[in-house]
Amino acid sequence: MKPKGLLNGQAPLLHDLQVLGLIGSGCPEEPRLLPRGSTGEIVVSGPQVMMGYVGGEENPFFEACGLRWLRTGDIGYADEEWFFYIVDRKKDVIKYKGHSVYPRMIEEVLYRHPCVAEAAVIGVPDEVVG
């Protein structure tokens, strides 16, 4: 995916960057592009993507569609002009009855209330739903 048009008369810096969204934790074997406005994990591929971590044991890469993809760990969405917005981090995801719930999204709703100055949402284990 590439942004439409030019920014300030210049080609976008992400010009060769491929971006693919995955729902929640996603399944690397079945990556799929999400509709604009849908929230998912942002994964990228392209010549400017790092080769890996120095001395790192974590492997954030997977192969799909003949390309090597990097899982950024960022949760976000693209608007109608393909500008990306990061709304949360994947590791902060709370699993509830098979659904991914992002603490930051709940916090944003809480902040809309005039009596809420600060909010912090965390997950706690539940004996019934996990």
N, C-alpha and C. Protein backbone atom coordinates (compact mmCIF):
# COMPACT_ATOMS: atom_id res chain seq x y z
N MET A 1 0.85 -1.16 0.00
CA MET A 1 0.00 0.00 0.00
C MET A 1 0.89 1.22 0.00
N LYS A 2 0.51 2.19 -0.74
CA LYS A 2 1.27 3.42 -0.79
C LYS A 2 0.31 4.59 -0.63
N PRO A 3 0.73 5.64 0.08
CA PRO A 3 -0.14 6.81 0.20
C PRO A 3 -0.43 7.40 -1.17
N LYS A 4 -1.60 7.96 -1.33
CA LYS A 4 -1.95 8.59 -2.60
C LYS A 4 -1.24 9.94 -2.70
N GLY A 5 -0.77 10.26 -3.90
CA GLY A 5 -0.21 11.58 -4.16
C GLY A 5 1.12 11.83 -3.48
N LEU A 6 1.51 13.08 -3.50
CA LEU A 6 2.77 13.49 -2.91
C LEU A 6 2.52 14.36 -1.69
N LEU A 7 3.45 14.35 -0.78
CA LEU A 7 3.36 15.20 0.42
C LEU A 7 4.29 16.39 0.22
N ASN A 8 3.77 17.59 0.22
CA ASN A 8 4.57 18.81 0.02
C ASN A 8 5.42 18.73 -1.24
N GLY A 9 4.89 18.11 -2.28
CA GLY A 9 5.62 18.01 -3.53
C GLY A 9 6.72 16.96 -3.53
N GLN A 10 6.87 16.24 -2.44
CA GLN A 10 7.92 15.22 -2.32
C GLN A 10 7.28 13.85 -2.25
N ALA A 11 7.99 12.86 -2.75
CA ALA A 11 7.51 11.48 -2.62
C ALA A 11 7.52 11.11 -1.15
N PRO A 12 6.51 10.39 -0.68
CA PRO A 12 6.49 9.98 0.73
C PRO A 12 7.73 9.16 1.10
N LEU A 13 8.23 9.34 2.31
CA LEU A 13 9.40 8.60 2.77
C LEU A 13 9.15 7.10 2.79
N LEU A 14 7.91 6.70 2.97
CA LEU A 14 7.57 5.29 3.04
C LEU A 14 7.24 4.72 1.67
N HIS A 15 7.77 5.30 0.66
CA HIS A 15 7.42 5.00 -0.71
C HIS A 15 7.52 3.52 -1.09
N ASP A 16 8.51 2.78 -0.61
CA ASP A 16 8.61 1.35 -0.94
C ASP A 16 8.13 0.46 0.20
N LEU A 17 7.60 1.05 1.23
CA LEU A 17 7.17 0.29 2.40
C LEU A 17 5.82 -0.37 2.14
N GLN A 18 5.74 -1.66 2.42
CA GLN A 18 4.48 -2.38 2.31
C GLN A 18 3.91 -2.51 3.72
N VAL A 19 2.65 -2.24 3.89
CA VAL A 19 2.03 -2.31 5.21
C VAL A 19 0.81 -3.21 5.13
N LEU A 20 0.71 -4.11 6.09
CA LEU A 20 -0.39 -5.06 6.12
C LEU A 20 -0.92 -5.12 7.54
N GLY A 21 -2.21 -5.04 7.74
CA GLY A 21 -2.78 -5.10 9.07
C GLY A 21 -3.21 -6.51 9.41
N LEU A 22 -3.05 -6.89 10.65
CA LEU A 22 -3.52 -8.18 11.15
C LEU A 22 -4.45 -7.93 12.31
N ILE A 23 -5.52 -8.68 12.38
CA ILE A 23 -6.46 -8.51 13.49
C ILE A 23 -5.84 -9.05 14.77
N GLY A 24 -5.88 -8.26 15.83
CA GLY A 24 -5.42 -8.68 17.16
C GLY A 24 -4.08 -9.36 17.12
N SER A 25 -4.00 -10.57 17.69
CA SER A 25 -2.74 -11.29 17.69
C SER A 25 -2.44 -11.82 16.31
N GLY A 26 -3.45 -11.98 15.49
CA GLY A 26 -3.26 -12.37 14.10
C GLY A 26 -2.63 -13.74 13.94
N CYS A 27 -2.69 -14.23 12.76
CA CYS A 27 -2.06 -15.50 12.42
C CYS A 27 -1.14 -15.26 11.24
N PRO A 28 0.19 -15.33 11.44
CA PRO A 28 1.12 -15.03 10.36
C PRO A 28 0.90 -15.89 9.12
N GLU A 29 0.36 -17.08 9.29
CA GLU A 29 0.15 -17.95 8.14
C GLU A 29 -0.99 -17.45 7.26
N GLU A 30 -1.84 -16.60 7.80
CA GLU A 30 -2.99 -16.10 7.05
C GLU A 30 -3.09 -14.58 7.17
N PRO A 31 -2.03 -13.83 6.75
CA PRO A 31 -2.12 -12.38 6.85
C PRO A 31 -3.17 -11.85 5.90
N ARG A 32 -3.82 -10.79 6.29
CA ARG A 32 -4.80 -10.19 5.40
C ARG A 32 -4.88 -8.69 5.62
N LEU A 33 -5.08 -7.99 4.55
CA LEU A 33 -5.23 -6.55 4.61
C LEU A 33 -6.58 -6.22 5.22
N LEU A 34 -6.57 -5.34 6.19
CA LEU A 34 -7.83 -4.93 6.82
C LEU A 34 -8.38 -3.71 6.10
N PRO A 35 -9.69 -3.53 6.13
CA PRO A 35 -10.27 -2.33 5.53
C PRO A 35 -9.78 -1.08 6.26
N ARG A 36 -9.67 0.02 5.54
CA ARG A 36 -9.27 1.27 6.18
C ARG A 36 -10.24 1.58 7.33
N GLY A 37 -9.68 2.03 8.45
CA GLY A 37 -10.48 2.33 9.62
C GLY A 37 -10.57 1.16 10.60
N SER A 38 -10.22 -0.05 10.14
CA SER A 38 -10.22 -1.22 11.02
C SER A 38 -8.92 -1.26 11.81
N THR A 39 -9.01 -1.67 13.06
CA THR A 39 -7.83 -1.73 13.92
C THR A 39 -7.19 -3.10 13.86
N GLY A 40 -5.87 -3.14 13.77
CA GLY A 40 -5.12 -4.39 13.74
C GLY A 40 -3.65 -4.14 13.99
N GLU A 41 -2.87 -5.21 14.04
CA GLU A 41 -1.43 -5.06 14.22
C GLU A 41 -0.83 -4.58 12.91
N ILE A 42 0.08 -3.63 13.00
CA ILE A 42 0.76 -3.11 11.82
C ILE A 42 2.00 -3.95 11.58
N VAL A 43 2.10 -4.52 10.38
CA VAL A 43 3.29 -5.26 9.98
C VAL A 43 3.80 -4.64 8.70
N VAL A 44 5.13 -4.62 8.54
CA VAL A 44 5.74 -3.92 7.40
C VAL A 44 6.77 -4.79 6.71
N SER A 45 7.00 -4.48 5.43
CA SER A 45 8.01 -5.16 4.64
C SER A 45 8.59 -4.15 3.66
N GLY A 46 9.87 -4.26 3.40
CA GLY A 46 10.49 -3.36 2.44
C GLY A 46 11.99 -3.30 2.66
N PRO A 47 12.71 -2.65 1.74
CA PRO A 47 14.18 -2.61 1.84
C PRO A 47 14.68 -1.84 3.05
N GLN A 48 13.87 -0.95 3.61
CA GLN A 48 14.31 -0.16 4.75
C GLN A 48 13.99 -0.80 6.10
N VAL A 49 13.37 -1.96 6.09
CA VAL A 49 13.05 -2.65 7.34
C VAL A 49 14.31 -3.34 7.87
N MET A 50 14.52 -3.23 9.17
CA MET A 50 15.73 -3.79 9.80
C MET A 50 15.88 -5.28 9.52
N MET A 51 17.10 -5.76 9.63
CA MET A 51 17.39 -7.19 9.43
C MET A 51 17.08 -8.00 10.69
N GLY A 52 17.10 -7.36 11.85
CA GLY A 52 16.85 -8.06 13.10
C GLY A 52 17.48 -7.31 14.25
N TYR A 53 17.39 -7.90 15.44
CA TYR A 53 17.97 -7.30 16.64
C TYR A 53 19.37 -7.85 16.85
N VAL A 54 20.32 -7.01 17.28
CA VAL A 54 21.67 -7.45 17.58
C VAL A 54 21.61 -8.30 18.84
N GLY A 55 22.03 -9.55 18.73
CA GLY A 55 22.04 -10.45 19.87
C GLY A 55 20.66 -10.79 20.38
N GLY A 56 19.65 -10.40 19.65
CA GLY A 56 18.28 -10.64 20.10
C GLY A 56 17.81 -12.05 19.79
N GLU A 57 17.08 -12.63 20.71
CA GLU A 57 16.54 -13.97 20.50
C GLU A 57 15.11 -13.90 19.97
N GLU A 58 14.44 -12.77 20.20
CA GLU A 58 13.07 -12.61 19.74
C GLU A 58 13.07 -12.48 18.22
N ASN A 59 12.19 -13.21 17.55
CA ASN A 59 12.08 -13.13 16.10
C ASN A 59 10.74 -12.50 15.73
N PRO A 60 10.77 -11.20 15.36
CA PRO A 60 9.52 -10.52 15.03
C PRO A 60 9.13 -10.65 13.56
N PHE A 61 9.77 -11.57 12.83
CA PHE A 61 9.54 -11.69 11.39
C PHE A 61 8.73 -12.93 11.03
N PHE A 62 8.04 -12.86 9.89
CA PHE A 62 7.39 -14.03 9.31
C PHE A 62 7.36 -13.85 7.80
N GLU A 63 7.23 -14.96 7.09
CA GLU A 63 7.18 -14.94 5.63
C GLU A 63 5.73 -15.08 5.18
N ALA A 64 5.33 -14.26 4.21
CA ALA A 64 3.99 -14.35 3.63
C ALA A 64 3.99 -13.62 2.30
N CYS A 65 3.26 -14.15 1.36
CA CYS A 65 3.11 -13.52 0.04
C CYS A 65 4.46 -13.29 -0.63
N GLY A 66 5.43 -14.15 -0.35
CA GLY A 66 6.75 -14.03 -0.95
C GLY A 66 7.60 -12.92 -0.37
N LEU A 67 7.19 -12.35 0.75
CA LEU A 67 7.93 -11.26 1.38
C LEU A 67 8.23 -11.59 2.84
N ARG A 68 9.24 -10.93 3.37
CA ARG A 68 9.60 -11.05 4.79
C ARG A 68 8.97 -9.87 5.51
N TRP A 69 8.12 -10.15 6.49
CA TRP A 69 7.37 -9.13 7.20
C TRP A 69 7.87 -8.96 8.63
N LEU A 70 7.88 -7.72 9.11
CA LEU A 70 8.24 -7.40 10.49
C LEU A 70 6.97 -7.07 11.27
N ARG A 71 6.78 -7.78 12.36
CA ARG A 71 5.66 -7.47 13.27
C ARG A 71 6.12 -6.32 14.16
N THR A 72 5.50 -5.16 14.02
CA THR A 72 5.93 -3.98 14.78
C THR A 72 5.48 -4.03 16.24
N GLY A 73 4.43 -4.78 16.52
CA GLY A 73 3.87 -4.79 17.87
C GLY A 73 2.95 -3.61 18.11
N ASP A 74 2.79 -2.76 17.08
CA ASP A 74 1.90 -1.60 17.20
C ASP A 74 0.51 -1.95 16.70
N ILE A 75 -0.49 -1.50 17.42
CA ILE A 75 -1.88 -1.65 17.01
C ILE A 75 -2.32 -0.30 16.46
N GLY A 76 -2.91 -0.33 15.27
CA GLY A 76 -3.31 0.93 14.66
C GLY A 76 -4.30 0.73 13.54
N TYR A 77 -4.54 1.81 12.82
CA TYR A 77 -5.46 1.77 11.69
C TYR A 77 -5.01 2.80 10.66
N ALA A 78 -5.50 2.66 9.43
CA ALA A 78 -5.21 3.61 8.36
C ALA A 78 -6.49 4.38 8.05
N ASP A 79 -6.34 5.68 7.79
CA ASP A 79 -7.51 6.47 7.41
C ASP A 79 -7.72 6.39 5.90
N GLU A 80 -8.63 7.17 5.38
CA GLU A 80 -8.99 7.11 3.96
C GLU A 80 -7.83 7.48 3.04
N GLU A 81 -6.85 8.23 3.53
CA GLU A 81 -5.71 8.64 2.72
C GLU A 81 -4.47 7.79 3.01
N TRP A 82 -4.65 6.68 3.71
CA TRP A 82 -3.59 5.75 4.09
C TRP A 82 -2.58 6.36 5.07
N PHE A 83 -3.02 7.33 5.87
CA PHE A 83 -2.19 7.78 6.97
C PHE A 83 -2.47 6.83 8.12
N PHE A 84 -1.40 6.39 8.81
CA PHE A 84 -1.53 5.41 9.87
C PHE A 84 -1.53 6.08 11.23
N TYR A 85 -2.35 5.54 12.13
CA TYR A 85 -2.48 6.03 13.49
C TYR A 85 -2.24 4.87 14.44
N ILE A 86 -1.32 5.04 15.36
CA ILE A 86 -1.03 4.00 16.34
C ILE A 86 -1.86 4.29 17.59
N VAL A 87 -2.63 3.29 18.01
CA VAL A 87 -3.53 3.48 19.15
C VAL A 87 -3.12 2.67 20.38
N ASP A 88 -2.25 1.68 20.19
CA ASP A 88 -1.88 0.84 21.33
C ASP A 88 -0.70 -0.04 20.95
N ARG A 89 -0.23 -0.81 21.92
CA ARG A 89 0.81 -1.81 21.71
C ARG A 89 0.19 -3.18 21.86
N LYS A 90 0.62 -4.12 21.04
CA LYS A 90 0.05 -5.47 21.05
C LYS A 90 0.22 -6.16 22.41
N LYS A 91 1.36 -5.97 23.03
CA LYS A 91 1.60 -6.67 24.30
C LYS A 91 0.68 -6.20 25.41
N ASP A 92 0.02 -5.08 25.20
CA ASP A 92 -0.91 -4.57 26.19
C ASP A 92 -2.32 -5.11 26.00
N VAL A 93 -2.50 -6.01 25.04
CA VAL A 93 -3.83 -6.52 24.71
C VAL A 93 -4.37 -7.40 25.84
N ILE A 94 -5.64 -7.18 26.18
CA ILE A 94 -6.33 -8.01 27.16
C ILE A 94 -7.24 -8.95 26.38
N LYS A 95 -7.12 -10.24 26.64
CA LYS A 95 -8.00 -11.22 25.99
C LYS A 95 -9.22 -11.43 26.87
N TYR A 96 -10.41 -11.22 26.31
CA TYR A 96 -11.65 -11.40 27.06
C TYR A 96 -12.63 -12.19 26.20
N LYS A 97 -12.92 -13.41 26.64
CA LYS A 97 -13.85 -14.29 25.92
C LYS A 97 -13.51 -14.39 24.44
N GLY A 98 -12.21 -14.52 24.15
CA GLY A 98 -11.77 -14.68 22.77
C GLY A 98 -11.64 -13.38 21.99
N HIS A 99 -11.91 -12.26 22.62
CA HIS A 99 -11.81 -10.96 21.95
C HIS A 99 -10.58 -10.22 22.45
N SER A 100 -9.97 -9.42 21.58
CA SER A 100 -8.86 -8.56 21.96
C SER A 100 -9.42 -7.22 22.40
N VAL A 101 -9.07 -6.82 23.62
CA VAL A 101 -9.51 -5.54 24.17
C VAL A 101 -8.24 -4.73 24.43
N TYR A 102 -8.19 -3.53 23.89
CA TYR A 102 -7.00 -2.70 24.02
C TYR A 102 -7.20 -1.68 25.14
N PRO A 103 -6.36 -1.74 26.18
CA PRO A 103 -6.52 -0.84 27.32
C PRO A 103 -6.59 0.63 26.92
N ARG A 104 -5.77 1.03 25.96
CA ARG A 104 -5.74 2.44 25.56
C ARG A 104 -7.10 2.90 25.03
N MET A 105 -7.79 2.03 24.31
CA MET A 105 -9.10 2.40 23.77
C MET A 105 -10.12 2.61 24.89
N ILE A 106 -10.05 1.76 25.92
CA ILE A 106 -10.94 1.92 27.07
C ILE A 106 -10.59 3.21 27.82
N GLU A 107 -9.29 3.47 27.98
CA GLU A 107 -8.86 4.69 28.65
C GLU A 107 -9.37 5.94 27.91
N GLU A 108 -9.32 5.90 26.59
CA GLU A 108 -9.81 7.05 25.81
C GLU A 108 -11.29 7.31 26.07
N VAL A 109 -12.07 6.25 26.20
CA VAL A 109 -13.50 6.41 26.51
C VAL A 109 -13.66 7.01 27.90
N LEU A 110 -12.88 6.52 28.86
CA LEU A 110 -12.95 7.06 30.22
C LEU A 110 -12.59 8.55 30.25
N TYR A 111 -11.59 8.94 29.47
CA TYR A 111 -11.15 10.35 29.44
C TYR A 111 -12.23 11.29 28.93
N ARG A 112 -13.20 10.77 28.21
CA ARG A 112 -14.28 11.62 27.69
C ARG A 112 -15.21 12.12 28.81
N HIS A 113 -15.20 11.42 29.93
CA HIS A 113 -16.06 11.83 31.05
C HIS A 113 -15.40 13.01 31.77
N PRO A 114 -16.15 14.06 32.06
CA PRO A 114 -15.56 15.25 32.67
C PRO A 114 -14.97 15.03 34.06
N CYS A 115 -15.38 13.99 34.76
CA CYS A 115 -14.87 13.74 36.11
C CYS A 115 -13.61 12.87 36.12
N VAL A 116 -13.17 12.40 34.96
CA VAL A 116 -12.00 11.53 34.88
C VAL A 116 -10.79 12.34 34.42
N ALA A 117 -9.79 12.45 35.31
CA ALA A 117 -8.56 13.17 34.98
C ALA A 117 -7.46 12.21 34.53
N GLU A 118 -7.43 11.03 35.13
CA GLU A 118 -6.43 10.03 34.78
C GLU A 118 -7.09 8.66 34.78
N ALA A 119 -6.55 7.78 33.94
CA ALA A 119 -7.09 6.41 33.88
C ALA A 119 -5.97 5.45 33.51
N ALA A 120 -6.05 4.26 34.05
CA ALA A 120 -5.12 3.19 33.70
C ALA A 120 -5.90 1.88 33.70
N VAL A 121 -5.94 1.23 32.57
CA VAL A 121 -6.69 -0.02 32.43
C VAL A 121 -5.70 -1.17 32.34
N ILE A 122 -5.92 -2.20 33.16
CA ILE A 122 -5.08 -3.40 33.13
C ILE A 122 -5.99 -4.63 33.14
N GLY A 123 -5.45 -5.73 32.72
CA GLY A 123 -6.20 -6.98 32.77
C GLY A 123 -5.87 -7.76 34.03
N VAL A 124 -6.85 -8.45 34.56
CA VAL A 124 -6.64 -9.33 35.71
C VAL A 124 -7.26 -10.68 35.37
N PRO A 125 -6.64 -11.77 35.82
CA PRO A 125 -7.19 -13.09 35.53
C PRO A 125 -8.59 -13.26 36.12
N ASP A 126 -9.42 -14.00 35.42
CA ASP A 126 -10.78 -14.29 35.87
C ASP A 126 -10.96 -15.80 35.83
N GLU A 127 -11.47 -16.37 36.91
CA GLU A 127 -11.63 -17.83 36.99
C GLU A 127 -12.61 -18.37 35.96
N VAL A 128 -13.58 -17.58 35.55
CA VAL A 128 -14.60 -18.04 34.61
C VAL A 128 -14.17 -17.86 33.16
N VAL A 129 -13.71 -16.66 32.80
CA VAL A 129 -13.40 -16.38 31.39
C VAL A 129 -11.91 -16.36 31.08
N GLY A 130 -11.06 -16.56 32.07
CA GLY A 130 -9.62 -16.62 31.82
C GLY A 130 -8.92 -15.32 32.07
